[in-house]
Amino acid sequence: MAKKNKEKYALEMEAYKQKKDEEAAHIMKEEEEHLKLQKQEALQMLKKKEKTDNIIKVFFFLLFSFSFKP
């Protein structure tokens, strides 16, 4: 009887460990996807900032080039 209970316990523990491993793998995958999205968003923000900076540079170039002509 004790041997049977021990075998049943071992099987249940194995199933529990497998479930936990699968859950951990799923969580890791979700975290990787989240980081990927964050990187994409950061890159988009950087591109927008660079575009804005270039527009400002052109604006000031045009402003000063017309302002200082005699």
N, C-alpha and C. Protein backbone atom coordinates (compact mmCIF):
# COMPACT_ATOMS: atom_id res chain seq x y z
N MET A 1 0.82 -1.20 0.00
CA MET A 1 0.00 0.00 0.00
C MET A 1 0.86 1.26 0.00
N ALA A 2 1.89 1.25 0.86
CA ALA A 2 2.77 2.42 0.94
C ALA A 2 3.51 2.62 -0.38
N LYS A 3 3.90 1.52 -1.01
CA LYS A 3 4.60 1.61 -2.29
C LYS A 3 3.69 2.21 -3.36
N LYS A 4 2.43 1.80 -3.34
CA LYS A 4 1.45 2.32 -4.29
C LYS A 4 1.25 3.83 -4.09
N ASN A 5 1.14 4.24 -2.82
CA ASN A 5 0.98 5.67 -2.52
C ASN A 5 2.21 6.46 -2.95
N LYS A 6 3.37 5.86 -2.74
CA LYS A 6 4.62 6.52 -3.12
C LYS A 6 4.69 6.71 -4.63
N GLU A 7 4.29 5.69 -5.38
CA GLU A 7 4.27 5.79 -6.84
C GLU A 7 3.26 6.85 -7.31
N LYS A 8 2.10 6.85 -6.68
CA LYS A 8 1.06 7.84 -7.03
C LYS A 8 1.57 9.25 -6.74
N TYR A 9 2.22 9.41 -5.60
CA TYR A 9 2.78 10.71 -5.23
C TYR A 9 3.85 11.14 -6.23
N ALA A 10 4.70 10.21 -6.62
CA ALA A 10 5.77 10.53 -7.59
C ALA A 10 5.16 10.97 -8.92
N LEU A 11 4.12 10.28 -9.37
CA LEU A 11 3.45 10.65 -10.62
C LEU A 11 2.80 12.04 -10.51
N GLU A 12 2.16 12.29 -9.39
CA GLU A 12 1.53 13.60 -9.19
C GLU A 12 2.58 14.71 -9.14
N MET A 13 3.69 14.44 -8.49
CA MET A 13 4.77 15.44 -8.42
C MET A 13 5.35 15.72 -9.81
N GLU A 14 5.51 14.67 -10.59
CA GLU A 14 6.03 14.83 -11.95
C GLU A 14 5.08 15.68 -12.79
N ALA A 15 3.78 15.42 -12.67
CA ALA A 15 2.78 16.19 -13.40
C ALA A 15 2.80 17.65 -12.93
N TYR A 16 2.92 17.84 -11.63
CA TYR A 16 2.98 19.20 -11.07
C TYR A 16 4.20 19.95 -11.58
N LYS A 17 5.35 19.28 -11.58
CA LYS A 17 6.60 19.92 -12.06
C LYS A 17 6.49 20.27 -13.54
N GLN A 18 5.91 19.36 -14.32
CA GLN A 18 5.75 19.62 -15.74
C GLN A 18 4.84 20.82 -15.97
N LYS A 19 3.75 20.90 -15.21
CA LYS A 19 2.83 22.03 -15.34
C LYS A 19 3.53 23.34 -14.99
N LYS A 20 4.30 23.32 -13.91
CA LYS A 20 5.03 24.53 -13.49
C LYS A 20 6.07 24.93 -14.54
N ASP A 21 6.75 23.95 -15.13
CA ASP A 21 7.73 24.25 -16.18
C ASP A 21 7.06 24.88 -17.39
N GLU A 22 5.90 24.35 -17.77
CA GLU A 22 5.15 24.90 -18.90
C GLU A 22 4.69 26.32 -18.60
N GLU A 23 4.22 26.55 -17.38
CA GLU A 23 3.79 27.90 -17.00
C GLU A 23 4.96 28.86 -17.03
N ALA A 24 6.12 28.42 -16.54
CA ALA A 24 7.31 29.28 -16.54
C ALA A 24 7.74 29.60 -17.97
N ALA A 25 7.68 28.62 -18.85
CA ALA A 25 8.04 28.85 -20.25
C ALA A 25 7.08 29.84 -20.90
N HIS A 26 5.80 29.71 -20.57
CA HIS A 26 4.79 30.62 -21.11
C HIS A 26 5.03 32.05 -20.62
N ILE A 27 5.35 32.19 -19.35
CA ILE A 27 5.62 33.51 -18.78
C ILE A 27 6.86 34.12 -19.43
N MET A 28 7.89 33.31 -19.62
CA MET A 28 9.11 33.80 -20.26
C MET A 28 8.82 34.29 -21.68
N LYS A 29 8.00 33.54 -22.40
CA LYS A 29 7.65 33.93 -23.77
C LYS A 29 6.89 35.25 -23.77
N GLU A 30 5.95 35.40 -22.84
CA GLU A 30 5.19 36.65 -22.74
C GLU A 30 6.11 37.82 -22.41
N GLU A 31 7.07 37.60 -21.51
CA GLU A 31 8.01 38.67 -21.15
C GLU A 31 8.88 39.06 -22.35
N GLU A 32 9.32 38.07 -23.12
CA GLU A 32 10.12 38.35 -24.31
C GLU A 32 9.32 39.16 -25.31
N GLU A 33 8.05 38.79 -25.51
CA GLU A 33 7.19 39.53 -26.43
C GLU A 33 6.97 40.96 -25.94
N HIS A 34 6.80 41.12 -24.64
CA HIS A 34 6.61 42.45 -24.06
C HIS A 34 7.86 43.31 -24.27
N LEU A 35 9.03 42.73 -24.04
CA LEU A 35 10.28 43.47 -24.26
C LEU A 35 10.44 43.84 -25.72
N LYS A 36 10.06 42.94 -26.61
CA LYS A 36 10.15 43.22 -28.04
C LYS A 36 9.26 44.41 -28.40
N LEU A 37 8.05 44.44 -27.86
CA LEU A 37 7.15 45.56 -28.11
C LEU A 37 7.71 46.86 -27.54
N GLN A 38 8.29 46.79 -26.34
CA GLN A 38 8.88 47.99 -25.75
C GLN A 38 10.03 48.52 -26.61
N LYS A 39 10.84 47.62 -27.14
CA LYS A 39 11.94 48.04 -28.00
C LYS A 39 11.42 48.70 -29.27
N GLN A 40 10.36 48.13 -29.85
CA GLN A 40 9.76 48.72 -31.05
C GLN A 40 9.20 50.11 -30.76
N GLU A 41 8.53 50.25 -29.62
CA GLU A 41 7.97 51.55 -29.24
C GLU A 41 9.09 52.57 -29.01
N ALA A 42 10.16 52.14 -28.36
CA ALA A 42 11.28 53.04 -28.12
C ALA A 42 11.91 53.48 -29.43
N LEU A 43 12.04 52.56 -30.36
CA LEU A 43 12.61 52.91 -31.67
C LEU A 43 11.72 53.89 -32.41
N GLN A 44 10.41 53.67 -32.35
CA GLN A 44 9.48 54.60 -33.00
C GLN A 44 9.58 55.99 -32.37
N MET A 45 9.67 56.04 -31.04
CA MET A 45 9.79 57.34 -30.37
C MET A 45 11.10 58.03 -30.75
N LEU A 46 12.17 57.26 -30.85
CA LEU A 46 13.45 57.83 -31.25
C LEU A 46 13.39 58.39 -32.66
N LYS A 47 12.75 57.66 -33.56
CA LYS A 47 12.61 58.14 -34.94
C LYS A 47 11.79 59.42 -34.99
N LYS A 48 10.71 59.48 -34.20
CA LYS A 48 9.89 60.69 -34.15
C LYS A 48 10.69 61.87 -33.60
N LYS A 49 11.49 61.60 -32.57
CA LYS A 49 12.32 62.65 -31.98
C LYS A 49 13.34 63.17 -33.00
N GLU A 50 13.98 62.25 -33.70
CA GLU A 50 14.95 62.65 -34.72
C GLU A 50 14.28 63.48 -35.81
N LYS A 51 13.08 63.07 -36.21
CA LYS A 51 12.34 63.81 -37.24
C LYS A 51 12.00 65.21 -36.74
N THR A 52 11.54 65.29 -35.49
CA THR A 52 11.22 66.59 -34.89
C THR A 52 12.46 67.47 -34.80
N ASP A 53 13.57 66.88 -34.37
CA ASP A 53 14.82 67.64 -34.27
C ASP A 53 15.24 68.18 -35.63
N ASN A 54 15.09 67.37 -36.67
CA ASN A 54 15.45 67.82 -38.01
C ASN A 54 14.54 68.95 -38.48
N ILE A 55 13.26 68.86 -38.18
CA ILE A 55 12.33 69.93 -38.54
C ILE A 55 12.71 71.22 -37.83
N ILE A 56 13.05 71.13 -36.56
CA ILE A 56 13.46 72.32 -35.80
C ILE A 56 14.73 72.91 -36.39
N LYS A 57 15.68 72.08 -36.74
CA LYS A 57 16.93 72.57 -37.34
C LYS A 57 16.66 73.30 -38.64
N VAL A 58 15.82 72.72 -39.48
CA VAL A 58 15.49 73.37 -40.75
C VAL A 58 14.76 74.68 -40.50
N PHE A 59 13.84 74.69 -39.56
CA PHE A 59 13.11 75.90 -39.24
C PHE A 59 14.06 77.02 -38.82
N PHE A 60 14.96 76.71 -37.88
CA PHE A 60 15.89 77.73 -37.42
C PHE A 60 16.87 78.14 -38.51
N PHE A 61 17.28 77.20 -39.33
CA PHE A 61 18.16 77.55 -40.45
C PHE A 61 17.47 78.54 -41.37
N LEU A 62 16.22 78.24 -41.72
CA LEU A 62 15.48 79.15 -42.59
C LEU A 62 15.21 80.48 -41.90
N LEU A 63 14.87 80.45 -40.65
CA LEU A 63 14.58 81.67 -39.89
C LEU A 63 15.81 82.58 -39.86
N PHE A 64 16.95 82.01 -39.53
CA PHE A 64 18.16 82.84 -39.42
C PHE A 64 18.73 83.22 -40.78
N SER A 65 18.54 82.37 -41.76
CA SER A 65 19.09 82.72 -43.09
C SER A 65 18.30 83.89 -43.69
N PHE A 66 17.03 84.01 -43.40
CA PHE A 66 16.25 85.14 -43.92
C PHE A 66 16.35 86.36 -43.01
N SER A 67 16.63 86.16 -41.74
CA SER A 67 16.67 87.27 -40.79
C SER A 67 17.92 88.11 -40.92
N PHE A 68 19.03 87.51 -41.30
CA PHE A 68 20.30 88.23 -41.30
C PHE A 68 20.74 88.73 -42.68
N LYS A 69 19.90 88.61 -43.65
CA LYS A 69 20.25 89.12 -44.99
C LYS A 69 19.97 90.62 -45.03
N PRO A 70 20.95 91.39 -45.53
CA PRO A 70 20.75 92.86 -45.61
C PRO A 70 19.78 93.27 -46.69
